Amino acid sequence: QRVLRLAEMCRRLETEEEKVLPFYPSLLAEGEQRDAWQVLEEMPTEPLAQAMWDYVGLERFWQRFNKAKLEEQALEQERAALSQRNRRLRQLLRQYLAGISITQEMLGQPNPL
């Protein structure tokens, strides 16, 4: 019962676009989809299948959760790459500034100007 209430609560928090559009497009033919829905609508008789039946409503939640986790990992990889690039650019900038700066030692040497 709690699982069904949680699934209903998650469903209420979905945007209109998420409610209308399927999360993943199905690769099944129309007849295969119809057969799959018939199997899902039948009440299972085996104990394990009955226990799993209680959690069918959370399928969309787990799909979205997994998608969010994948996006989080992709963003973390991008952040690491940008951080590495930032370090390299700072190093190049330090080298450039060191090359154009005038030191006390340079002022003591003869200047062609």
N, C-alpha and C. Protein backbone atom coordinates (compact mmCIF):
# COMPACT_ATOMS: atom_id res chain seq x y z
N GLN A 1 0.83 -1.20 0.00
CA GLN A 1 0.00 0.00 0.00
C GLN A 1 0.87 1.26 0.00
N ARG A 2 1.93 1.25 0.86
CA ARG A 2 2.79 2.44 0.92
C ARG A 2 3.47 2.69 -0.41
N VAL A 3 3.84 1.62 -1.10
CA VAL A 3 4.50 1.77 -2.40
C VAL A 3 3.56 2.41 -3.40
N LEU A 4 2.31 1.98 -3.40
CA LEU A 4 1.34 2.57 -4.33
C LEU A 4 1.11 4.04 -4.02
N ARG A 5 1.06 4.39 -2.72
CA ARG A 5 0.89 5.80 -2.36
C ARG A 5 2.09 6.62 -2.80
N LEU A 6 3.30 6.05 -2.65
CA LEU A 6 4.51 6.74 -3.07
C LEU A 6 4.50 6.95 -4.58
N ALA A 7 4.09 5.91 -5.32
CA ALA A 7 4.02 6.02 -6.78
C ALA A 7 3.01 7.09 -7.19
N GLU A 8 1.86 7.14 -6.52
CA GLU A 8 0.86 8.17 -6.82
C GLU A 8 1.40 9.56 -6.51
N MET A 9 2.12 9.69 -5.40
CA MET A 9 2.69 10.99 -5.04
C MET A 9 3.72 11.43 -6.09
N CYS A 10 4.56 10.49 -6.54
CA CYS A 10 5.55 10.81 -7.57
C CYS A 10 4.85 11.21 -8.86
N ARG A 11 3.78 10.52 -9.19
CA ARG A 11 3.03 10.82 -10.41
C ARG A 11 2.45 12.25 -10.36
N ARG A 12 1.97 12.66 -9.18
CA ARG A 12 1.41 14.01 -9.05
C ARG A 12 2.49 15.08 -9.23
N LEU A 13 3.75 14.76 -8.92
CA LEU A 13 4.83 15.73 -9.03
C LEU A 13 5.42 15.81 -10.44
N GLU A 14 5.00 14.93 -11.34
CA GLU A 14 5.50 14.97 -12.71
C GLU A 14 4.95 16.19 -13.44
N THR A 15 5.74 16.71 -14.36
CA THR A 15 5.26 17.81 -15.19
C THR A 15 4.28 17.25 -16.21
N GLU A 16 3.53 18.15 -16.85
CA GLU A 16 2.56 17.70 -17.86
C GLU A 16 3.27 16.97 -18.99
N GLU A 17 4.45 17.47 -19.40
CA GLU A 17 5.19 16.82 -20.47
C GLU A 17 5.60 15.41 -20.07
N GLU A 18 6.03 15.22 -18.83
CA GLU A 18 6.42 13.89 -18.37
C GLU A 18 5.23 12.95 -18.31
N LYS A 19 4.06 13.48 -18.01
CA LYS A 19 2.87 12.63 -17.95
C LYS A 19 2.42 12.20 -19.34
N VAL A 20 2.60 13.06 -20.33
CA VAL A 20 2.10 12.79 -21.67
C VAL A 20 3.08 11.97 -22.50
N LEU A 21 4.36 12.36 -22.46
CA LEU A 21 5.35 11.69 -23.29
C LEU A 21 5.89 10.45 -22.57
N PRO A 22 6.10 9.37 -23.30
CA PRO A 22 6.70 8.19 -22.66
C PRO A 22 8.15 8.50 -22.31
N PHE A 23 8.61 7.92 -21.23
CA PHE A 23 9.97 8.18 -20.78
C PHE A 23 10.98 7.61 -21.77
N TYR A 24 10.80 6.36 -22.12
CA TYR A 24 11.64 5.71 -23.12
C TYR A 24 10.74 5.24 -24.23
N PRO A 25 11.08 5.53 -25.48
CA PRO A 25 10.24 5.01 -26.56
C PRO A 25 10.35 3.48 -26.59
N SER A 26 9.25 2.83 -26.82
CA SER A 26 9.23 1.38 -26.84
C SER A 26 9.73 0.87 -28.18
N LEU A 27 10.51 -0.20 -28.13
CA LEU A 27 11.00 -0.82 -29.35
C LEU A 27 10.13 -2.00 -29.77
N LEU A 28 9.06 -2.25 -29.01
CA LEU A 28 8.17 -3.35 -29.31
C LEU A 28 7.17 -2.97 -30.39
N ALA A 29 6.79 -3.96 -31.18
CA ALA A 29 5.73 -3.75 -32.16
C ALA A 29 4.41 -3.60 -31.41
N GLU A 30 3.38 -3.12 -32.10
CA GLU A 30 2.09 -2.86 -31.45
C GLU A 30 1.52 -4.12 -30.81
N GLY A 31 1.58 -5.24 -31.52
CA GLY A 31 1.06 -6.50 -30.98
C GLY A 31 1.84 -6.95 -29.75
N GLU A 32 3.16 -6.77 -29.80
CA GLU A 32 4.00 -7.15 -28.65
C GLU A 32 3.69 -6.27 -27.44
N GLN A 33 3.45 -4.99 -27.69
CA GLN A 33 3.09 -4.08 -26.59
C GLN A 33 1.77 -4.50 -25.96
N ARG A 34 0.80 -4.86 -26.81
CA ARG A 34 -0.50 -5.29 -26.31
C ARG A 34 -0.36 -6.54 -25.45
N ASP A 35 0.45 -7.50 -25.93
CA ASP A 35 0.68 -8.73 -25.16
C ASP A 35 1.36 -8.43 -23.83
N ALA A 36 2.33 -7.54 -23.84
CA ALA A 36 3.04 -7.19 -22.61
C ALA A 36 2.10 -6.55 -21.61
N TRP A 37 1.22 -5.67 -22.08
CA TRP A 37 0.26 -5.02 -21.16
C TRP A 37 -0.72 -6.03 -20.57
N GLN A 38 -1.12 -7.01 -21.39
CA GLN A 38 -2.03 -8.04 -20.88
C GLN A 38 -1.37 -8.82 -19.75
N VAL A 39 -0.10 -9.17 -19.93
CA VAL A 39 0.63 -9.90 -18.91
C VAL A 39 0.76 -9.05 -17.65
N LEU A 40 1.03 -7.75 -17.81
CA LEU A 40 1.19 -6.86 -16.66
C LEU A 40 -0.11 -6.66 -15.90
N GLU A 41 -1.24 -6.70 -16.61
CA GLU A 41 -2.53 -6.47 -15.97
C GLU A 41 -3.05 -7.69 -15.22
N GLU A 42 -2.57 -8.87 -15.58
CA GLU A 42 -3.00 -10.09 -14.90
C GLU A 42 -2.37 -10.15 -13.51
N MET A 43 -3.12 -10.59 -12.55
CA MET A 43 -2.60 -10.74 -11.20
C MET A 43 -1.72 -11.98 -11.15
N PRO A 44 -0.47 -11.87 -10.72
CA PRO A 44 0.42 -13.03 -10.69
C PRO A 44 -0.01 -14.03 -9.62
N THR A 45 0.37 -15.29 -9.83
CA THR A 45 0.00 -16.35 -8.89
C THR A 45 1.19 -16.79 -8.03
N GLU A 46 2.41 -16.62 -8.51
CA GLU A 46 3.59 -17.03 -7.75
C GLU A 46 3.88 -15.98 -6.66
N PRO A 47 4.37 -16.43 -5.49
CA PRO A 47 4.63 -15.50 -4.38
C PRO A 47 5.62 -14.38 -4.73
N LEU A 48 6.72 -14.73 -5.40
CA LEU A 48 7.70 -13.70 -5.75
C LEU A 48 7.11 -12.70 -6.73
N ALA A 49 6.38 -13.19 -7.71
CA ALA A 49 5.74 -12.30 -8.69
C ALA A 49 4.72 -11.40 -8.01
N GLN A 50 4.01 -11.92 -7.02
CA GLN A 50 3.04 -11.10 -6.28
C GLN A 50 3.77 -10.00 -5.50
N ALA A 51 4.91 -10.33 -4.91
CA ALA A 51 5.68 -9.33 -4.17
C ALA A 51 6.19 -8.25 -5.11
N MET A 52 6.63 -8.66 -6.31
CA MET A 52 7.12 -7.68 -7.28
C MET A 52 6.00 -6.81 -7.82
N TRP A 53 4.80 -7.36 -7.87
CA TRP A 53 3.63 -6.62 -8.37
C TRP A 53 3.42 -5.33 -7.59
N ASP A 54 3.73 -5.36 -6.29
CA ASP A 54 3.55 -4.18 -5.45
C ASP A 54 4.46 -3.03 -5.87
N TYR A 55 5.54 -3.33 -6.54
CA TYR A 55 6.53 -2.30 -6.88
C TYR A 55 6.48 -1.86 -8.34
N VAL A 56 5.54 -2.37 -9.11
CA VAL A 56 5.43 -2.01 -10.52
C VAL A 56 5.19 -0.51 -10.68
N GLY A 57 4.46 0.09 -9.76
CA GLY A 57 4.16 1.51 -9.84
C GLY A 57 5.38 2.40 -9.69
N LEU A 58 6.46 1.87 -9.18
CA LEU A 58 7.68 2.68 -9.00
C LEU A 58 8.61 2.62 -10.20
N GLU A 59 8.21 1.93 -11.25
CA GLU A 59 9.09 1.78 -12.42
C GLU A 59 9.49 3.14 -13.00
N ARG A 60 8.53 4.02 -13.15
CA ARG A 60 8.83 5.34 -13.71
C ARG A 60 9.75 6.13 -12.78
N PHE A 61 9.53 5.98 -11.47
CA PHE A 61 10.41 6.65 -10.52
C PHE A 61 11.86 6.19 -10.71
N TRP A 62 12.06 4.88 -10.79
CA TRP A 62 13.43 4.37 -10.93
C TRP A 62 14.04 4.75 -12.27
N GLN A 63 13.23 4.82 -13.32
CA GLN A 63 13.75 5.28 -14.60
C GLN A 63 14.26 6.71 -14.48
N ARG A 64 13.47 7.56 -13.85
CA ARG A 64 13.88 8.95 -13.69
C ARG A 64 15.08 9.07 -12.74
N PHE A 65 15.09 8.29 -11.69
CA PHE A 65 16.20 8.30 -10.75
C PHE A 65 17.50 7.91 -11.44
N ASN A 66 17.44 6.83 -12.24
CA ASN A 66 18.64 6.38 -12.95
C ASN A 66 19.09 7.41 -13.97
N LYS A 67 18.15 8.04 -14.65
CA LYS A 67 18.50 9.08 -15.62
C LYS A 67 19.18 10.24 -14.91
N ALA A 68 18.67 10.63 -13.75
CA ALA A 68 19.27 11.72 -12.98
C ALA A 68 20.68 11.34 -12.53
N LYS A 69 20.88 10.10 -12.11
CA LYS A 69 22.21 9.65 -11.69
C LYS A 69 23.20 9.67 -12.86
N LEU A 70 22.73 9.25 -14.04
CA LEU A 70 23.61 9.29 -15.22
C LEU A 70 23.98 10.72 -15.57
N GLU A 71 23.01 11.63 -15.51
CA GLU A 71 23.29 13.03 -15.79
C GLU A 71 24.26 13.61 -14.76
N GLU A 72 24.10 13.21 -13.50
CA GLU A 72 25.00 13.67 -12.44
C GLU A 72 26.43 13.21 -12.72
N GLN A 73 26.60 11.96 -13.13
CA GLN A 73 27.94 11.45 -13.44
C GLN A 73 28.54 12.17 -14.65
N ALA A 74 27.72 12.42 -15.66
CA ALA A 74 28.21 13.14 -16.85
C ALA A 74 28.64 14.54 -16.49
N LEU A 75 27.85 15.21 -15.64
CA LEU A 75 28.21 16.57 -15.22
C LEU A 75 29.48 16.57 -14.37
N GLU A 76 29.66 15.55 -13.54
CA GLU A 76 30.87 15.45 -12.73
C GLU A 76 32.10 15.27 -13.61
N GLN A 77 31.98 14.45 -14.65
CA GLN A 77 33.08 14.26 -15.59
C GLN A 77 33.39 15.56 -16.33
N GLU A 78 32.34 16.27 -16.73
CA GLU A 78 32.54 17.55 -17.42
C GLU A 78 33.20 18.56 -16.49
N ARG A 79 32.77 18.58 -15.22
CA ARG A 79 33.37 19.49 -14.24
C ARG A 79 34.85 19.19 -14.06
N ALA A 80 35.21 17.91 -13.98
CA ALA A 80 36.61 17.53 -13.82
C ALA A 80 37.43 17.95 -15.04
N ALA A 81 36.88 17.76 -16.24
CA ALA A 81 37.59 18.17 -17.46
C ALA A 81 37.77 19.68 -17.50
N LEU A 82 36.72 20.44 -17.11
CA LEU A 82 36.83 21.89 -17.10
C LEU A 82 37.81 22.38 -16.03
N SER A 83 37.85 21.69 -14.92
CA SER A 83 38.79 22.03 -13.86
C SER A 83 40.22 21.82 -14.34
N GLN A 84 40.46 20.72 -15.02
CA GLN A 84 41.79 20.43 -15.59
C GLN A 84 42.17 21.50 -16.61
N ARG A 85 41.23 21.87 -17.46
CA ARG A 85 41.50 22.91 -18.47
C ARG A 85 41.79 24.24 -17.79
N ASN A 86 41.05 24.56 -16.73
CA ASN A 86 41.27 25.80 -16.01
C ASN A 86 42.68 25.84 -15.42
N ARG A 87 43.13 24.72 -14.82
CA ARG A 87 44.49 24.65 -14.27
C ARG A 87 45.54 24.89 -15.35
N ARG A 88 45.34 24.26 -16.52
CA ARG A 88 46.28 24.43 -17.63
C ARG A 88 46.31 25.87 -18.12
N LEU A 89 45.16 26.51 -18.24
CA LEU A 89 45.11 27.90 -18.69
C LEU A 89 45.78 28.83 -17.67
N ARG A 90 45.58 28.57 -16.39
CA ARG A 90 46.24 29.38 -15.36
C ARG A 90 47.76 29.22 -15.41
N GLN A 91 48.20 27.99 -15.67
CA GLN A 91 49.63 27.75 -15.79
C GLN A 91 50.22 28.52 -16.98
N LEU A 92 49.52 28.48 -18.11
CA LEU A 92 49.97 29.22 -19.30
C LEU A 92 49.99 30.72 -19.04
N LEU A 93 48.98 31.21 -18.33
CA LEU A 93 48.92 32.63 -18.02
C LEU A 93 50.09 33.03 -17.12
N ARG A 94 50.40 32.20 -16.11
CA ARG A 94 51.55 32.49 -15.24
C ARG A 94 52.85 32.53 -16.04
N GLN A 95 53.01 31.58 -16.98
CA GLN A 95 54.22 31.58 -17.82
C GLN A 95 54.30 32.84 -18.67
N TYR A 96 53.17 33.24 -19.23
CA TYR A 96 53.14 34.44 -20.06
C TYR A 96 53.49 35.67 -19.24
N LEU A 97 52.87 35.81 -18.07
CA LEU A 97 53.13 36.97 -17.23
C LEU A 97 54.58 36.99 -16.74
N ALA A 98 55.13 35.83 -16.46
CA ALA A 98 56.54 35.78 -16.05
C ALA A 98 57.45 36.20 -17.20
N GLY A 99 57.07 35.91 -18.43
CA GLY A 99 57.87 36.27 -19.59
C GLY A 99 57.84 37.75 -19.91
N ILE A 100 56.77 38.45 -19.57
CA ILE A 100 56.68 39.87 -19.92
C ILE A 100 56.95 40.79 -18.75
N SER A 101 57.14 40.23 -17.57
CA SER A 101 57.35 41.10 -16.41
C SER A 101 58.80 41.58 -16.35
N ILE A 102 59.00 42.74 -15.78
CA ILE A 102 60.32 43.34 -15.64
C ILE A 102 60.77 43.14 -14.20
N THR A 103 61.94 42.52 -14.06
CA THR A 103 62.47 42.28 -12.72
C THR A 103 63.59 43.28 -12.42
N GLN A 104 63.98 43.34 -11.16
CA GLN A 104 65.06 44.23 -10.73
C GLN A 104 66.36 43.83 -11.43
N GLU A 105 66.56 42.55 -11.63
CA GLU A 105 67.76 42.04 -12.30
C GLU A 105 67.85 42.56 -13.73
N MET A 106 66.71 42.62 -14.42
CA MET A 106 66.69 43.10 -15.81
C MET A 106 67.02 44.59 -15.88
N LEU A 107 66.60 45.34 -14.87
CA LEU A 107 66.85 46.78 -14.88
C LEU A 107 68.34 47.09 -14.67
N GLY A 108 69.06 46.18 -14.01
CA GLY A 108 70.48 46.39 -13.75
C GLY A 108 71.35 46.09 -14.96
N GLN A 109 70.84 45.43 -15.94
CA GLN A 109 71.61 45.09 -17.13
C GLN A 109 71.54 46.22 -18.14
N PRO A 110 72.50 46.28 -19.04
CA PRO A 110 72.46 47.34 -20.05
C PRO A 110 71.22 47.23 -20.92
N ASN A 111 70.61 48.36 -21.17
CA ASN A 111 69.38 48.42 -21.94
C ASN A 111 69.66 49.07 -23.28
N PRO A 112 69.26 48.47 -24.38
CA PRO A 112 69.53 49.06 -25.68
C PRO A 112 68.76 50.37 -25.89
N LEU A 113 67.75 50.62 -25.09
CA LEU A 113 67.01 51.87 -25.28
C LEU A 113 67.72 52.97 -24.55
